[in-house]
Protein backbone atom coordinates (compact mmCIF):
# COMPACT_ATOMS: atom_id res chain seq x y z
CA MET A 1 2.99 -27.18 14.25
CA SER A 2 6.15 -28.69 15.67
CA ALA A 3 6.02 -30.28 19.08
CA GLU A 4 7.28 -28.39 22.09
CA GLY A 5 11.05 -28.81 22.36
CA ASP A 6 11.57 -29.65 18.67
CA PRO A 7 14.00 -27.36 16.85
CA ALA A 8 12.30 -24.49 15.07
CA LEU A 9 12.32 -24.45 11.28
CA LEU A 10 14.00 -21.05 11.46
CA GLU A 11 15.35 -19.21 14.47
CA THR A 12 17.33 -16.00 14.93
CA ARG A 13 19.41 -15.24 17.99
CA LYS A 14 20.45 -11.67 18.74
CA LEU A 15 20.30 -10.89 15.02
CA THR A 16 21.56 -7.33 14.51
CA LYS A 17 22.04 -5.03 11.54
CA VAL A 18 23.77 -1.65 11.83
CA PHE A 19 23.87 1.00 9.11
CA GLY A 20 26.40 3.64 10.18
CA ALA A 21 25.04 5.18 13.37
CA VAL A 22 21.60 3.56 12.97
CA THR A 23 20.77 0.13 14.41
CA ALA A 24 17.95 -1.08 12.18
CA CYS A 25 17.64 -4.48 13.91
CA ASP A 26 18.80 -4.76 17.51
CA ALA A 27 19.45 -8.27 18.87
CA ILE A 28 16.27 -9.81 17.42
CA ASP A 29 15.14 -13.21 18.64
CA LEU A 30 12.59 -14.89 16.38
CA ARG A 31 11.36 -18.48 16.30
CA ILE A 32 9.20 -19.88 13.50
CA ALA A 33 7.88 -23.38 14.09
CA ARG A 34 7.15 -25.92 11.40
CA GLY A 35 3.61 -25.72 10.10
CA GLU A 36 3.03 -22.25 11.56
CA ILE A 37 1.76 -18.96 10.15
CA HIS A 38 3.82 -16.41 12.05
CA ALA A 39 3.02 -12.69 11.82
CA LEU A 40 5.77 -10.06 11.83
CA LEU A 41 4.30 -6.76 13.02
CA GLY A 42 5.65 -3.27 13.56
CA GLU A 43 5.44 0.37 12.62
CA ASN A 44 7.08 1.76 9.51
CA GLY A 45 10.79 1.87 10.25
CA ALA A 46 10.51 -0.78 12.99
CA GLY A 47 13.02 -3.07 11.24
CA LYS A 48 10.72 -5.60 9.50
CA SER A 49 12.15 -5.09 6.01
CA THR A 50 15.73 -5.25 7.24
CA LEU A 51 15.02 -8.45 9.15
CA VAL A 52 13.43 -10.32 6.24
CA LYS A 53 16.20 -9.14 3.90
CA MET A 54 18.68 -10.83 6.23
CA LEU A 55 16.54 -13.99 6.29
CA PHE A 56 16.35 -14.02 2.48
CA GLY A 57 20.05 -13.34 1.97
CA SER A 58 19.74 -9.81 0.60
CA LEU A 59 21.60 -8.31 3.60
CA GLU A 60 24.47 -9.60 5.71
CA PRO A 61 23.87 -9.41 9.50
CA THR A 62 26.24 -7.30 11.57
CA ALA A 63 25.96 -9.69 14.53
CA GLY A 64 23.92 -12.62 15.79
CA GLU A 65 23.05 -15.86 14.05
CA VAL A 66 20.39 -17.60 11.99
CA LEU A 67 19.57 -21.23 12.69
CA TRP A 68 17.90 -23.32 9.99
CA LYS A 69 16.46 -26.54 11.41
CA GLY A 70 18.58 -26.07 14.49
CA THR A 71 21.89 -25.59 12.62
CA PRO A 72 23.69 -22.22 12.51
CA THR A 73 23.55 -21.09 8.89
CA ARG A 74 24.94 -18.23 6.82
CA ILE A 75 22.46 -17.08 4.17
CA ALA A 76 24.76 -15.29 1.77
CA SER A 77 22.33 -14.61 -1.08
CA PRO A 78 18.71 -15.08 -2.19
CA ALA A 79 19.90 -18.06 -4.25
CA GLU A 80 21.29 -19.62 -1.07
CA ALA A 81 18.00 -18.89 0.75
CA ARG A 82 16.04 -20.63 -2.00
CA ARG A 83 18.45 -23.59 -1.93
CA LEU A 84 17.81 -23.96 1.81
CA GLY A 85 14.05 -23.87 1.30
CA ILE A 86 13.16 -20.21 1.93
CA GLY A 87 10.93 -18.46 -0.61
CA MET A 88 9.64 -14.90 -0.64
CA VAL A 89 6.75 -13.12 -2.34
CA PHE A 90 7.46 -9.40 -2.33
CA GLN A 91 4.85 -6.67 -1.99
CA HIS A 92 5.94 -5.13 -5.29
CA PHE A 93 5.94 -7.75 -8.03
CA SER A 94 8.95 -8.40 -10.26
CA LEU A 95 7.28 -9.54 -13.48
CA PHE A 96 7.92 -8.72 -17.14
CA GLU A 97 4.63 -7.59 -18.65
CA ALA A 98 5.58 -8.55 -22.21
CA LEU A 99 6.21 -12.19 -21.20
CA THR A 100 3.76 -14.96 -20.39
CA ALA A 101 3.16 -16.28 -16.89
CA ALA A 102 5.15 -19.45 -17.68
CA GLN A 103 8.08 -17.44 -19.05
CA ASN A 104 8.18 -15.27 -15.92
CA ILE A 105 8.15 -18.40 -13.75
CA ALA A 106 10.96 -19.97 -15.80
CA LEU A 107 13.23 -16.97 -15.20
CA ALA A 108 13.26 -17.71 -11.46
CA LEU A 109 13.96 -21.42 -11.70
CA PRO A 110 17.57 -22.59 -11.51
CA ASP A 111 17.41 -25.41 -14.05
CA ARG A 112 16.72 -25.25 -17.77
CA THR A 113 13.44 -27.09 -17.73
CA PRO A 114 11.54 -26.84 -21.05
CA ILE A 115 8.94 -24.07 -20.96
CA ALA A 116 6.16 -26.54 -21.80
CA THR A 117 7.04 -28.61 -18.73
CA ILE A 118 7.09 -25.49 -16.54
CA ALA A 119 3.70 -24.42 -17.91
CA GLU A 120 2.19 -27.81 -17.14
CA ARG A 121 3.67 -27.90 -13.61
CA ALA A 122 2.39 -24.36 -12.98
CA ARG A 123 -1.09 -25.26 -14.24
CA THR A 124 -1.25 -28.37 -12.06
CA LEU A 125 0.04 -26.58 -8.97
CA SER A 126 -2.25 -23.57 -9.42
CA THR A 127 -5.30 -25.80 -9.79
CA GLY A 128 -4.34 -27.89 -6.78
CA TYR A 129 -3.99 -24.85 -4.52
CA GLY A 130 -7.11 -23.07 -5.72
CA LEU A 131 -5.13 -20.32 -7.51
CA PRO A 132 -6.33 -20.74 -11.12
CA LEU A 133 -3.77 -19.49 -13.62
CA ASP A 134 -3.32 -19.79 -17.38
CA PRO A 135 0.46 -20.20 -17.88
CA GLN A 136 0.19 -18.96 -21.47
CA SER A 137 -1.48 -15.66 -20.56
CA LEU A 138 0.43 -12.45 -21.11
CA VAL A 139 1.21 -10.71 -17.83
CA ALA A 140 0.11 -7.35 -19.26
CA ASP A 141 -3.41 -8.73 -19.70
CA LEU A 142 -3.73 -9.98 -16.09
CA SER A 143 -5.28 -8.34 -13.05
CA VAL A 144 -3.09 -7.62 -10.05
CA GLY A 145 -4.61 -10.56 -8.20
CA GLU A 146 -3.69 -12.88 -11.08
CA ARG A 147 -0.17 -11.45 -11.14
CA GLN A 148 0.18 -12.23 -7.47
CA ARG A 149 -0.77 -15.84 -8.24
CA ILE A 150 2.20 -16.00 -10.62
CA GLU A 151 4.50 -14.85 -7.82
CA ILE A 152 3.06 -17.42 -5.41
CA ILE A 153 3.16 -20.29 -7.92
CA ARG A 154 6.71 -19.31 -8.89
CA CYS A 155 7.63 -19.47 -5.21
CA LEU A 156 5.86 -22.81 -4.63
CA LEU A 157 7.54 -24.44 -7.64
CA GLN A 158 10.82 -23.97 -5.80
CA GLU A 159 9.36 -26.23 -3.06
CA PRO A 160 10.08 -23.94 -0.09
CA GLU A 161 9.57 -24.98 3.50
CA LEU A 162 9.28 -21.35 4.65
CA ILE A 163 7.42 -18.71 2.63
CA ILE A 164 7.82 -15.01 3.45
CA LEU A 165 4.80 -12.92 2.38
CA ASP A 166 5.05 -9.11 2.44
CA GLU A 167 1.65 -7.33 2.58
CA PRO A 168 0.05 -10.04 0.40
CA THR A 169 -3.53 -8.72 0.48
CA SER A 170 -2.81 -5.06 -0.21
CA VAL A 171 -3.72 -5.46 -3.89
CA LEU A 172 -6.55 -7.99 -3.61
CA THR A 173 -10.32 -7.77 -3.59
CA PRO A 174 -12.01 -9.22 -0.46
CA GLN A 175 -12.94 -12.31 -2.46
CA GLU A 176 -9.36 -12.81 -3.68
CA ALA A 177 -8.06 -12.33 -0.14
CA ASP A 178 -10.40 -15.05 1.13
CA ARG A 179 -9.08 -17.38 -1.57
CA LEU A 180 -5.50 -16.59 -0.56
CA PHE A 181 -6.27 -17.34 3.10
CA GLU A 182 -7.64 -20.74 2.11
CA THR A 183 -4.40 -21.45 0.25
CA LEU A 184 -2.23 -20.37 3.19
CA LEU A 185 -4.18 -22.57 5.59
CA ARG A 186 -3.74 -25.49 3.23
CA LEU A 187 0.01 -24.87 3.02
CA ARG A 188 0.15 -24.78 6.81
CA GLY A 189 -1.72 -28.08 6.91
CA GLU A 190 0.96 -29.57 4.66
CA GLY A 191 3.62 -28.59 7.19
CA LYS A 192 4.95 -25.49 5.47
CA SER A 193 5.68 -22.38 7.53
CA ILE A 194 4.75 -18.83 6.57
CA LEU A 195 6.18 -15.54 7.82
CA TYR A 196 3.33 -13.09 7.29
CA ILE A 197 3.96 -9.33 7.20
CA SER A 198 0.85 -7.16 7.26
CA HIS A 199 -0.55 -3.94 8.68
CA ARG A 200 -4.06 -5.42 8.49
CA LEU A 201 -4.46 -6.66 12.02
CA ASP A 202 -7.87 -8.27 11.58
CA GLU A 203 -6.46 -10.69 9.02
CA VAL A 204 -3.46 -11.38 11.28
CA LYS A 205 -5.91 -12.41 14.01
CA ARG A 206 -7.83 -14.49 11.50
CA ILE A 207 -5.05 -16.73 10.13
CA CYS A 208 -1.85 -16.38 12.21
CA ASP A 209 -0.80 -18.76 14.98
CA ALA A 210 1.89 -16.54 16.51
CA ALA A 211 3.21 -13.01 16.20
CA THR A 212 6.46 -11.16 16.84
CA VAL A 213 6.17 -7.40 17.29
CA LEU A 214 9.04 -5.02 16.53
CA ARG A 215 9.39 -1.42 17.64
CA HIS A 216 12.42 0.77 16.89
CA GLY A 217 14.38 -2.27 15.76
CA LYS A 218 13.76 -4.34 18.89
CA VAL A 219 11.40 -7.18 19.75
CA VAL A 220 8.81 -5.84 22.18
CA ALA A 221 6.39 -8.76 22.25
CA HIS A 222 5.75 -12.36 21.26
CA CYS A 223 2.07 -13.31 21.38
CA ASP A 224 -0.76 -15.41 20.02
CA PRO A 225 -2.70 -12.85 17.95
CA ARG A 226 -5.89 -14.87 18.37
CA ASP A 227 -5.84 -13.93 22.05
CA GLU A 228 -5.43 -10.21 21.27
CA THR A 229 -7.62 -7.50 19.83
CA ALA A 230 -6.67 -5.38 16.84
CA GLY A 231 -6.35 -2.50 19.32
CA SER A 232 -3.98 -4.35 21.64
CA LEU A 233 -1.80 -5.44 18.69
CA ALA A 234 -1.65 -1.86 17.44
CA ARG A 235 -0.74 -0.68 20.95
CA MET A 236 2.18 -3.14 21.03
CA MET A 237 3.39 -1.86 17.66
CA VAL A 238 3.11 1.85 18.43
CA GLY A 239 3.78 1.85 22.18
CA THR A 240 0.77 4.03 22.93
CA GLU A 241 -2.98 3.86 22.44
CA VAL A 242 -4.04 4.26 18.80
CA HIS A 243 -7.00 6.59 18.88
CA ALA A 244 -10.12 5.59 17.01
CA ILE A 245 -11.14 7.67 14.01
CA ARG A 246 -13.65 10.36 14.95
CA ARG A 247 -16.14 11.16 12.25
CA SER A 248 -19.55 12.72 12.20
CA ASP A 249 -22.41 10.84 10.67
CA ALA A 250 -24.41 14.04 10.39
CA PRO A 251 -25.88 14.67 6.92
CA LEU A 252 -23.53 16.21 4.42
CA LEU A 253 -23.82 19.82 3.34
CA THR A 254 -26.99 19.27 1.34
CA GLY A 255 -26.72 20.99 -1.98
CA GLY A 256 -23.06 21.82 -1.26
CA GLU A 257 -21.11 23.21 -4.17
CA ALA A 258 -19.49 20.67 -6.49
CA LEU A 259 -15.84 21.68 -6.07
CA LEU A 260 -14.45 18.86 -8.24
CA GLU A 261 -16.30 17.74 -11.36
CA ILE A 262 -15.32 15.05 -13.85
CA ASN A 263 -17.40 15.11 -17.02
CA GLN A 264 -17.21 12.27 -19.57
CA LEU A 265 -13.45 12.04 -19.10
CA SER A 266 -11.86 9.70 -21.63
CA ARG A 267 -8.21 9.11 -22.34
CA PRO A 268 -6.51 6.66 -24.70
CA PRO A 269 -3.80 4.42 -23.22
CA ALA A 270 -0.46 6.23 -23.03
CA THR A 271 1.53 2.98 -23.39
CA PRO A 272 0.76 -0.51 -24.72
CA PHE A 273 0.14 -1.67 -21.14
CA ALA A 274 -1.80 1.34 -19.84
CA ILE A 275 -5.56 1.43 -19.21
CA PRO A 276 -7.78 3.79 -21.21
CA LEU A 277 -10.23 5.94 -19.26
CA ARG A 278 -13.79 5.47 -20.50
CA ASN A 279 -16.36 8.24 -19.98
CA VAL A 280 -15.63 8.83 -16.30
CA ASP A 281 -18.23 10.97 -14.51
CA LEU A 282 -18.03 12.09 -10.87
CA GLN A 283 -18.78 15.03 -8.59
CA VAL A 284 -17.21 15.69 -5.19
CA ARG A 285 -18.97 18.37 -3.17
CA ALA A 286 -17.86 20.64 -0.38
CA GLY A 287 -17.71 18.78 2.92
CA GLU A 288 -17.59 15.35 1.28
CA ILE A 289 -15.10 12.49 1.03
CA VAL A 290 -15.67 10.28 -2.00
CA GLY A 291 -13.67 7.07 -2.15
CA ILE A 292 -12.63 5.23 -5.30
CA ALA A 293 -12.03 1.52 -4.77
CA GLY A 294 -10.53 -0.88 -7.25
CA VAL A 295 -7.84 -3.45 -7.83
CA ALA A 296 -4.59 -1.76 -8.88
CA GLY A 297 -4.10 -1.36 -12.61
CA ASN A 298 -7.71 -0.57 -13.54
CA GLY A 299 -7.16 3.08 -14.43
CA GLN A 300 -6.66 4.69 -11.01
CA SER A 301 -3.18 6.00 -11.88
CA GLU A 302 -4.41 7.33 -15.22
CA LEU A 303 -7.30 9.10 -13.46
CA PHE A 304 -4.97 10.68 -10.91
CA GLU A 305 -2.66 11.93 -13.67
CA ALA A 306 -5.61 13.50 -15.46
CA LEU A 307 -6.92 15.18 -12.29
CA SER A 308 -3.53 16.47 -11.15
CA GLY A 309 -2.60 17.98 -14.52
CA GLU A 310 0.23 15.58 -15.30
CA THR A 311 -1.70 14.86 -18.49
CA LEU A 312 -3.84 17.55 -20.13
CA GLN A 313 -7.24 16.92 -21.68
CA PRO A 314 -8.46 17.98 -25.14
CA ASP A 315 -11.73 19.09 -23.54
CA ALA A 316 -11.05 21.71 -20.88
CA ALA A 317 -14.49 21.09 -19.33
CA ALA A 318 -13.76 17.39 -18.74
CA ILE A 319 -12.32 18.47 -15.37
CA ARG A 320 -13.65 21.43 -13.41
CA ILE A 321 -12.19 22.74 -10.15
CA GLY A 322 -14.14 25.26 -8.12
CA GLY A 323 -16.50 25.86 -11.05
CA ARG A 324 -13.71 26.59 -13.56
CA ASP A 325 -12.67 24.48 -16.53
CA ALA A 326 -9.31 22.94 -15.64
CA GLY A 327 -8.71 20.12 -18.12
CA GLN A 328 -6.02 22.08 -19.95
CA LEU A 329 -4.40 23.70 -16.90
CA THR A 330 -0.97 22.68 -15.59
CA ILE A 331 -0.38 21.28 -12.10
CA SER A 332 0.64 24.70 -10.75
CA GLU A 333 -2.37 26.38 -12.34
CA ARG A 334 -4.67 23.83 -10.74
CA ARG A 335 -2.96 24.40 -7.39
CA LEU A 336 -3.67 28.12 -7.77
CA LEU A 337 -7.37 27.22 -8.04
CA GLY A 338 -7.12 25.75 -4.53
CA SER A 339 -6.47 22.09 -5.32
CA ALA A 340 -3.82 19.76 -3.91
CA PHE A 341 -2.58 16.33 -4.98
CA VAL A 342 -0.83 13.41 -3.26
CA PRO A 343 0.40 10.70 -5.67
CA GLU A 344 0.69 6.99 -4.89
CA GLU A 345 4.48 6.84 -5.23
CA ARG A 346 5.88 9.03 -2.48
CA LEU A 347 9.60 8.76 -3.25
CA GLY A 348 10.41 10.08 -6.70
CA HIS A 349 6.89 11.31 -7.47
CA GLY A 350 5.62 12.90 -4.27
CA ALA A 351 9.11 13.95 -3.17
CA ALA A 352 12.57 14.28 -4.71
CA PRO A 353 14.66 11.71 -2.78
CA ARG A 354 17.93 13.64 -2.52
CA LEU A 355 16.37 17.00 -1.62
CA ARG A 356 15.70 18.03 1.97
CA LEU A 357 12.15 18.26 3.29
CA SER A 358 12.23 22.06 3.19
CA GLU A 359 13.42 21.98 -0.44
CA ASN A 360 10.63 19.58 -1.37
CA LEU A 361 8.18 21.93 0.32
CA LEU A 362 9.45 24.83 -1.77
CA LEU A 363 9.20 22.80 -4.99
CA SER A 364 5.52 22.05 -4.39
CA ARG A 365 4.48 25.49 -3.15
CA HIS A 366 6.67 28.02 -4.92
CA ARG A 367 3.63 29.23 -6.90
CA THR A 368 0.89 29.04 -4.27
CA ASP A 369 3.07 30.57 -1.49
CA ARG A 370 5.18 32.82 -3.68
CA ASN A 371 4.93 35.90 -1.45
CA ALA A 372 5.67 33.92 1.71
CA PHE A 373 8.57 31.84 0.36
CA LEU A 374 10.09 33.94 -2.43
CA GLY A 375 11.13 37.55 -2.70
CA ARG A 376 12.02 39.74 -5.63
CA LEU A 377 14.53 38.35 -8.11
CA GLY A 378 13.85 34.85 -6.82
CA ILE A 379 15.34 35.31 -3.36
CA VAL A 380 14.35 32.35 -1.18
CA PHE A 381 13.07 33.08 2.33
CA SER A 382 14.68 30.01 3.90
CA GLY A 383 13.51 30.92 7.41
CA ALA A 384 9.85 30.95 6.37
CA ILE A 385 10.25 27.64 4.58
CA GLN A 386 11.92 26.05 7.60
CA LEU A 387 9.14 27.28 9.89
CA ALA A 388 6.48 25.85 7.57
CA SER A 389 8.35 22.54 7.39
CA GLN A 390 8.58 22.38 11.19
CA ARG A 391 4.87 23.17 11.50
CA ILE A 392 4.00 20.29 9.14
CA THR A 393 6.37 17.94 10.94
CA LYS A 394 4.79 18.72 14.30
CA SER A 395 1.16 18.56 13.16
CA MET A 396 1.62 15.16 11.47
CA ASP A 397 4.09 13.71 14.02
CA VAL A 398 6.78 13.15 11.38
CA ARG A 399 9.69 11.34 13.02
CA LYS A 400 13.11 12.10 11.58
CA SER A 401 16.76 11.70 12.54
CA ALA A 402 17.83 15.28 11.66
CA ALA A 403 16.28 18.74 11.67
CA ASP A 404 15.90 18.85 7.87
CA PRO A 405 16.81 15.46 6.41
CA GLU A 406 16.68 14.36 2.80
CA ALA A 407 13.34 12.82 1.83
CA ALA A 408 15.02 9.46 1.20
CA ALA A 409 16.22 9.36 4.83
CA LEU A 410 12.67 9.05 6.18
CA SER A 411 10.81 5.77 6.55
CA GLY A 412 7.97 5.30 4.08
CA GLY A 413 5.27 6.07 6.64
CA ASN A 414 6.94 9.21 7.93
CA LEU A 415 7.55 10.52 4.41
CA GLN A 416 3.89 9.87 3.61
CA LYS A 417 2.84 11.87 6.67
CA PHE A 418 5.04 14.76 5.58
CA ILE A 419 3.75 14.76 1.98
CA ILE A 420 0.11 14.70 3.06
CA GLY A 421 0.81 17.28 5.76
CA ARG A 422 2.49 19.48 3.16
CA GLU A 423 -0.74 19.57 1.17
CA LEU A 424 -3.09 19.82 4.15
CA ASP A 425 -1.11 22.77 5.49
CA ARG A 426 -2.48 24.86 2.62
CA GLN A 427 -6.09 23.99 3.58
CA PRO A 428 -6.95 23.24 -0.07
CA SER A 429 -10.53 23.42 -1.22
CA VAL A 430 -9.99 20.23 -3.28
CA LEU A 431 -7.68 17.35 -2.33
CA VAL A 432 -7.04 14.30 -4.50
CA VAL A 433 -4.99 11.62 -2.77
CA ASN A 434 -3.93 8.25 -4.18
CA GLN A 435 -3.33 5.45 -1.63
CA PRO A 436 -3.06 7.72 1.45
CA THR A 437 -1.93 5.00 3.86
CA TRP A 438 -0.20 2.49 1.56
CA GLY A 439 2.22 0.45 3.69
CA VAL A 440 1.68 2.79 6.66
CA ASP A 441 1.43 1.52 10.23
CA ALA A 442 -1.72 1.75 12.33
CA GLY A 443 -0.77 4.90 14.23
CA ALA A 444 0.26 6.86 11.13
CA ALA A 445 -2.78 5.61 9.20
CA ALA A 446 -5.14 6.81 11.93
CA ARG A 447 -3.51 10.25 11.95
CA ILE A 448 -3.74 10.58 8.16
CA ARG A 449 -7.36 9.42 7.99
CA GLN A 450 -8.41 11.76 10.77
CA ALA A 451 -6.74 14.68 8.97
CA LEU A 452 -8.66 13.88 5.76
CA ILE A 453 -11.96 13.75 7.66
CA GLU A 454 -11.28 17.09 9.35
CA LEU A 455 -10.35 18.73 6.03
CA ALA A 456 -13.65 17.61 4.50
CA ARG A 457 -15.70 18.66 7.51
CA ASN A 458 -14.16 22.12 7.21
CA GLY A 459 -15.73 22.43 3.76
CA SER A 460 -13.22 20.93 1.33
CA ALA A 461 -13.94 18.27 -1.29
CA VAL A 462 -11.75 15.19 -0.81
CA LEU A 463 -11.28 12.39 -3.35
CA VAL A 464 -9.50 9.31 -1.98
CA ILE A 465 -8.27 6.56 -4.32
CA SER A 466 -7.50 3.48 -2.24
CA GLN A 467 -7.18 -0.28 -2.51
CA ASP A 468 -7.89 -0.57 1.22
CA LEU A 469 -11.61 -1.17 1.61
CA ASP A 470 -11.42 -0.90 5.40
CA GLU A 471 -10.02 2.58 4.93
CA LEU A 472 -12.75 3.68 2.52
CA PHE A 473 -15.54 2.35 4.72
CA GLU A 474 -13.96 4.16 7.66
CA ILE A 475 -13.64 7.63 6.13
CA ALA A 476 -15.68 7.94 2.92
CA ASP A 477 -19.19 9.31 2.60
CA ALA A 478 -19.68 7.51 -0.72
CA ILE A 479 -17.69 4.85 -2.58
CA ALA A 480 -17.33 4.33 -6.33
CA VAL A 481 -15.39 1.51 -8.02
CA MET A 482 -12.98 1.74 -10.93
CA HIS A 483 -12.71 -1.31 -13.16
CA ASP A 484 -11.12 -1.49 -16.61
CA GLY A 485 -11.06 2.30 -16.92
CA ARG A 486 -14.73 2.77 -16.05
CA LEU A 487 -16.10 4.29 -12.85
CA SER A 488 -19.31 3.08 -11.23
CA ALA A 489 -21.82 5.46 -9.71
CA PRO A 490 -20.92 6.24 -6.07
CA LEU A 491 -22.78 4.27 -3.42
CA PRO A 492 -23.56 6.11 -0.16
CA ARG A 493 -21.64 4.48 2.67
CA SER A 494 -24.94 3.59 4.36
CA GLU A 495 -25.88 1.48 1.32
CA ALA A 496 -22.47 -0.01 0.47
CA THR A 497 -21.31 -3.42 1.66
CA PHE A 498 -17.91 -5.11 1.43
CA GLU A 499 -19.40 -7.83 -0.77
CA ALA A 500 -21.05 -5.40 -3.19
CA ILE A 501 -17.91 -3.26 -3.55
CA GLY A 502 -15.72 -6.36 -3.85
CA LEU A 503 -17.90 -7.72 -6.67
CA LEU A 504 -17.67 -4.39 -8.52
CA MET A 505 -13.90 -4.50 -8.09
CA GLY A 506 -13.94 -7.91 -9.74
CA GLY A 507 -15.90 -6.64 -12.74
CA ALA A 508 -19.51 -7.47 -11.83
CA GLU A 509 -22.22 -5.33 -13.35
CA PRO A 510 -23.43 -2.66 -10.88
CA GLY A 511 -26.94 -4.12 -10.72
CA HIS A 512 -25.65 -7.60 -9.88
CA ALA A 513 -23.30 -6.25 -7.22
CA GLY A 514 -26.08 -4.24 -5.67
CA ARG A 515 -28.36 -7.29 -5.43
CA ALA A 516 -25.54 -9.29 -3.85
CA GLY A 517 -25.04 -6.55 -1.31
CA GLU A 518 -28.73 -6.51 -0.47
CA ALA A 519 -28.75 -10.28 -0.08
CA ALA A 520 -25.85 -10.00 2.34
């Protein structure tokens, strides 16, 4: 790290961004030293995304200044940021699946270097940093962890001095995350700086030298995360104590009814880049939370679509809800059987962006709550819908800027709380939820996880698909792993280990993973 008194690699002074009546970033002071891994922490809607967009040239500040190596600098575009020496690896990758790794890398480089030269440079760099990558491999054939390596190598080939990483471990197995941490520590040792955005506070404590905490668009703390606990960091982010998850370790309802059954479910790939489902078997019983772990892109989305009724099955008995064959029932028909579904993509899939919260509520429950929300001839009982929306908002602590805003006006975490609350409000007998706390801050995640536990303990069957192993170990009674369209047998939480589940996520045979877990 730079010596005390040396100019920071990057510094912001009173950096501000205003959107209409909303101040997203309010006079933010940030200092990133050379050779430092600096964490940027905050709740959803705290201003992190707006801040890094200004640092990467995607947004123009309203006020304040950015200093690069001690010199006031205007970063007018991402191209200008890259020219200065700022690179960014986004949470959501921007890769063309039909192109090779080398071709995707070439698209981001400013010069017209021959593709063979780019491939060789990428191979050498990836080997040197412990991120093995075949430049000739087709992106569609790669795991999510391998795709992230392309993004990192593409960034490193631009020779940045500051690398911005947004939720870099959210799609990685524990083993891949460990490999990434080794790479980041090596980059730090070479004098490069890293701005690290993550909701995973344990990994922030593990690798970060400093942290800046935002709340409601303002800096509320600068600290050394190694001197803090995960609880104290969460308290800085939220402003109040984040309550620990309360769960009972009492035995499950022995012999409880299997409310959700999946029987030899197979499905061919819907597109050239989709994953086929291969003889998936699973039962989720009353009072039970079953978690499905796995690296993204191994069939989880295809499984959710099959369970929710977005795709129908030739064999009606392949999916059974509450003892009834449901494989050929529509989404609404499955809802009428007492089931509820929360998709991974909240905006556009879980909610219509330009419709108000009350209108989204009506869209999802016009069949199950027909008598409460609709009268004869399709008359809408707007008062009843508004009351239900307010009840959901209060129970899930959904924070919004208007009484009934459009879905797109909410931060990601608050919209997620509303969508999950919308389904929980029905007290469904079966709930299938995909990535319940994706990109959600610690306070919102705790509230969502506690609600899922309470639903199960009240007798519902809950199936949680999640890439967050910490989450599954915290709430699930048993954990299965999806890899390449196949689902392993669920392991009781008392028998599962992070290493065993991580190996299954990477494609190990169940017997080998189990032995590794026992050895651990």
